[in-house]
């Protein structure tokens, strides 16, 4: 008899526990959420605001890094121009600068949303420089143009001119790598 009473009490307690856990105070969401991805609307306002703030900070950081890359590429191209004017040709350390410029500008182009399409229309294609000095001068001019284009824009805009400049810089860097 006592065992029967205990079984009834345990069963009633279990039933009540399940019923209580299936409900919540506001009647909208259960206390034990379903497993899987929760919708952003289901998250408390503080979490959504924090996620949005983190997203904005990441975008600003990415934009600042892109500006830093373009500034570094511009400085390297200026150093290349000085080296070529003093030596008349690219030296051993200049090869690494050209490779670094190419790497930086590829990252810039990727973050701008430009693809690997280096194809130019006949009207838009930059002229192939006749010698190394002209190529380095064009490289410096185009990296400066790229930096100026990126400074003019905000992190919210995509500049077709900046993508075009980055493609031109990449083409010139590849020409310089071949001429070495």
Protein backbone atom coordinates (compact mmCIF):
# COMPACT_ATOMS: atom_id res chain seq x y z
CA UNK A 1 0.00 0.00 0.00
CA UNK A 2 2.83 2.38 0.87
CA UNK A 3 4.64 1.43 -2.33
CA UNK A 4 1.50 2.13 -4.34
CA UNK A 5 1.13 5.55 -2.71
CA UNK A 6 4.77 6.36 -3.40
CA UNK A 7 4.40 5.38 -7.08
CA UNK A 8 1.34 7.60 -7.44
CA UNK A 9 3.17 10.53 -5.80
CA UNK A 10 6.24 10.07 -8.04
CA UNK A 11 4.06 9.84 -11.18
CA UNK A 12 2.10 12.96 -10.21
CA UNK A 13 5.32 14.84 -9.46
CA UNK A 14 6.84 13.82 -12.81
CA UNK A 15 3.71 14.87 -14.70
CA UNK A 16 3.64 18.26 -12.95
CA UNK A 17 7.35 18.82 -13.62
CA UNK A 18 6.94 18.21 -17.36
CA UNK A 19 3.89 20.48 -17.48
CA UNK A 20 5.70 23.29 -15.67
CA UNK A 21 8.82 23.08 -17.85
CA UNK A 22 6.73 23.22 -21.02
CA UNK A 23 5.38 26.65 -20.04
CA UNK A 24 6.91 30.04 -19.42
CA UNK A 25 5.80 33.21 -17.67
CA UNK A 26 4.93 35.17 -20.82
CA UNK A 27 3.41 32.19 -22.62
CA UNK A 28 5.55 32.63 -25.75
CA UNK A 29 8.70 30.59 -25.34
CA UNK A 30 9.41 27.48 -23.31
CA UNK A 31 11.93 27.58 -20.49
CA UNK A 32 13.96 24.85 -22.21
CA UNK A 33 14.44 26.09 -25.79
CA UNK A 34 14.60 23.68 -28.68
CA UNK A 35 18.03 22.64 -29.74
CA UNK A 36 19.39 24.12 -32.97
CA UNK A 37 19.82 27.62 -34.30
CA UNK A 38 17.81 30.27 -32.52
CA UNK A 39 16.38 33.10 -34.56
CA UNK A 40 17.81 36.54 -33.94
CA UNK A 41 14.35 37.75 -32.99
CA UNK A 42 14.26 35.20 -30.18
CA UNK A 43 17.39 36.66 -28.62
CA UNK A 44 17.12 39.31 -25.94
CA UNK A 45 17.63 42.89 -27.04
CA UNK A 46 20.99 43.18 -25.26
CA UNK A 47 22.45 40.24 -27.18
CA UNK A 48 21.20 41.56 -30.53
CA UNK A 49 22.66 44.98 -29.79
CA UNK A 50 25.99 43.45 -28.78
CA UNK A 51 26.13 41.32 -31.94
CA UNK A 52 25.36 44.36 -34.09
CA UNK A 53 28.02 46.38 -32.29
CA UNK A 54 30.59 43.61 -32.84
CA UNK A 55 29.66 43.41 -36.53
CA UNK A 56 30.12 47.17 -36.95
CA UNK A 57 33.46 47.08 -35.13
CA UNK A 58 34.65 44.23 -37.37
CA UNK A 59 33.64 46.10 -40.53
CA UNK A 60 35.46 49.22 -39.31
CA UNK A 61 38.55 47.17 -38.46
CA UNK A 62 38.50 45.54 -41.91
CA UNK A 63 38.16 48.95 -43.57
CA UNK A 64 41.05 50.37 -41.53
CA UNK A 65 43.20 47.36 -42.47
CA UNK A 66 42.35 47.92 -46.14
CA UNK A 67 43.42 51.56 -45.88
CA UNK A 68 46.63 50.48 -44.16
CA UNK A 69 47.35 47.99 -46.94
CA UNK A 70 46.84 50.62 -49.62
CA UNK A 71 49.05 53.08 -47.77
CA UNK A 72 51.77 50.45 -47.42
CA UNK A 73 51.52 49.59 -51.13
CA UNK A 74 51.81 53.27 -51.99
CA UNK A 75 54.92 53.67 -49.81
CA UNK A 76 56.51 50.56 -51.31
CA UNK A 77 55.89 51.83 -54.83
CA UNK A 78 57.53 55.15 -53.91
CA UNK A 79 60.55 53.25 -52.59
CA UNK A 80 60.65 51.23 -55.82
CA UNK A 81 60.60 54.39 -57.89
CA UNK A 82 63.48 55.87 -55.89
CA UNK A 83 65.45 52.65 -56.27
CA UNK A 84 64.90 52.43 -60.03
CA UNK A 85 65.82 56.08 -60.59
CA UNK A 86 69.05 55.66 -58.64
CA UNK A 87 70.03 52.20 -59.99
CA UNK A 88 68.38 52.19 -63.40
CA UNK A 89 66.87 48.74 -62.78
CA UNK A 90 65.19 46.63 -60.12
CA UNK A 91 67.59 45.20 -57.56
CA UNK A 92 67.25 42.05 -55.42
CA UNK A 93 65.30 43.67 -52.58
CA UNK A 94 63.00 45.35 -55.06
CA UNK A 95 61.67 41.98 -56.20
CA UNK A 96 60.27 41.31 -52.74
CA UNK A 97 58.68 44.78 -52.71
CA UNK A 98 56.92 44.06 -56.01
CA UNK A 99 55.68 40.73 -54.62
CA UNK A 100 54.51 42.46 -51.42
CA UNK A 101 52.65 45.13 -53.42
CA UNK A 102 50.95 42.41 -55.45
CA UNK A 103 49.90 40.54 -52.30
CA UNK A 104 48.57 43.70 -50.62
CA UNK A 105 46.60 44.81 -53.66
CA UNK A 106 45.09 41.33 -54.11
CA UNK A 107 43.78 41.53 -50.52
CA UNK A 108 42.41 45.02 -51.19
CA UNK A 109 40.68 43.90 -54.37
CA UNK A 110 39.18 40.88 -52.61
CA UNK A 111 37.83 43.02 -49.77
CA UNK A 112 36.33 45.44 -52.30
CA UNK A 113 34.49 42.58 -53.93
CA UNK A 114 36.56 42.46 -57.10
CA UNK A 115 37.20 39.06 -58.57
CA UNK A 116 40.19 37.45 -60.16
CA UNK A 117 39.11 38.79 -63.52
CA UNK A 118 42.13 40.68 -64.79
CA UNK A 119 40.65 41.03 -68.24
CA UNK A 120 40.38 44.56 -69.53
CA UNK A 121 38.37 45.92 -72.42
CA UNK A 122 40.50 47.36 -75.20
CA UNK A 123 39.48 50.88 -74.21
CA UNK A 124 40.17 50.38 -70.50
CA UNK A 125 43.43 48.43 -70.71
CA UNK A 126 46.45 50.31 -69.37
CA UNK A 127 49.26 50.84 -71.82
CA UNK A 128 52.11 48.38 -71.45
CA UNK A 129 55.16 50.38 -70.40
CA UNK A 130 58.21 50.26 -72.65
CA UNK A 131 60.81 49.93 -69.89
CA UNK A 132 61.11 49.19 -66.19
CA UNK A 133 61.34 52.83 -65.15
CA UNK A 134 58.05 53.65 -66.89
CA UNK A 135 56.42 50.57 -65.34
CA UNK A 136 57.52 51.58 -61.85
CA UNK A 137 56.32 55.16 -62.41
CA UNK A 138 52.92 53.87 -63.54
CA UNK A 139 52.86 51.52 -60.57
CA UNK A 140 53.49 54.41 -58.18
CA UNK A 141 50.84 56.55 -59.86
CA UNK A 142 48.22 53.80 -59.73
CA UNK A 143 48.93 52.80 -56.13
CA UNK A 144 48.59 56.46 -55.13
CA UNK A 145 45.32 56.64 -57.07
CA UNK A 146 44.11 53.47 -55.33
CA UNK A 147 44.95 54.92 -51.91
CA UNK A 148 43.20 58.20 -52.74
CA UNK A 149 40.10 56.35 -53.97
CA UNK A 150 39.91 54.30 -50.79
CA UNK A 151 40.35 57.40 -48.60
CA UNK A 152 37.50 59.17 -50.42
CA UNK A 153 35.07 56.33 -49.79
CA UNK A 154 33.57 54.99 -46.61
CA UNK A 155 33.36 51.41 -45.44
CA UNK A 156 29.79 51.34 -46.76
CA UNK A 157 30.71 51.99 -50.39
CA UNK A 158 32.27 49.89 -53.10
CA UNK A 159 34.34 51.88 -55.53
CA UNK A 160 34.53 50.60 -59.09
CA UNK A 161 37.41 53.03 -59.66
CA UNK A 162 39.32 51.47 -56.76
CA UNK A 163 38.74 47.98 -58.17
CA UNK A 164 39.94 49.17 -61.59
CA UNK A 165 43.02 50.77 -60.00
CA UNK A 166 43.77 47.57 -58.10
CA UNK A 167 43.51 45.54 -61.31
CA UNK A 168 45.88 47.97 -63.03
CA UNK A 169 48.39 47.78 -60.16
CA UNK A 170 48.25 43.99 -60.26
CA UNK A 171 48.88 43.95 -64.00
CA UNK A 172 51.84 46.32 -63.62
CA UNK A 173 53.26 44.26 -60.75
CA UNK A 174 53.07 41.13 -62.87
CA UNK A 175 54.79 42.91 -65.75
CA UNK A 176 57.59 43.94 -63.40
CA UNK A 177 57.93 40.39 -62.06
CA UNK A 178 58.29 39.07 -65.62
CA UNK A 179 60.87 41.70 -66.56
CA UNK A 180 63.13 40.82 -63.66
